[in-house]
Amino acid sequence: MAWITTDQVKEIRVALKEKFPEIKFSVRRERGSSVHVNILKSPYDFSYVNRFRPDGHTSINRYHLPEGPHKNLFEEILEIILFGSSRKFYDNSDAQIDYFDTAFYVNLGIGDWGKGYEMIPWEAVKKKIAKKNSKKKTKGISKSKANQLASDFISSI
């Protein structure tokens, strides 16, 4: 039976935030059996995605990820959703005999109903991450060194 707890969804949320600090996600649990992940803000241009609506919600089929410059990004996000919590994903379903047995259902999308998707410039992302890193306590290194490390991290993306 498909089931996932709130704590397991929280683990996925934390893992996504840690791996992709430049992206703002909406990660929620629905009816105890589904994980819904939407990309709300990022510096990536998804206009090539079929049926992309910047003012609304665009569903991403996890079995047929959009071909294009961000296919690897979608694959990494999906990998974290499926295996980023203590609830490991499995799918023993067989549609030919109407048998469904999966750990939980996954819904991936760009934007949100009523809010849409916002593309933000890379400069704003760099400033935000540098500011967040400068607020953290740095043991043994100066704030300027911490900012330099943040800048190096952003340039490596």
Foldseek 3Di string as FASTA:
>chain_A
DAFDDPVQQVLLVVVCCVVCVQWDWDWDDDPRFEIEIETAEHQDDPPVDPPADQQAKDWADLVDGDDDDCSVVSVVSVVSSQPRGPQHWDWPDDVVVPRTDIHGHYTYIYHHGRRGHYNDHLVVSLVVQLVVQLPDDDPPDHSVVSSVVSVVVSVVD
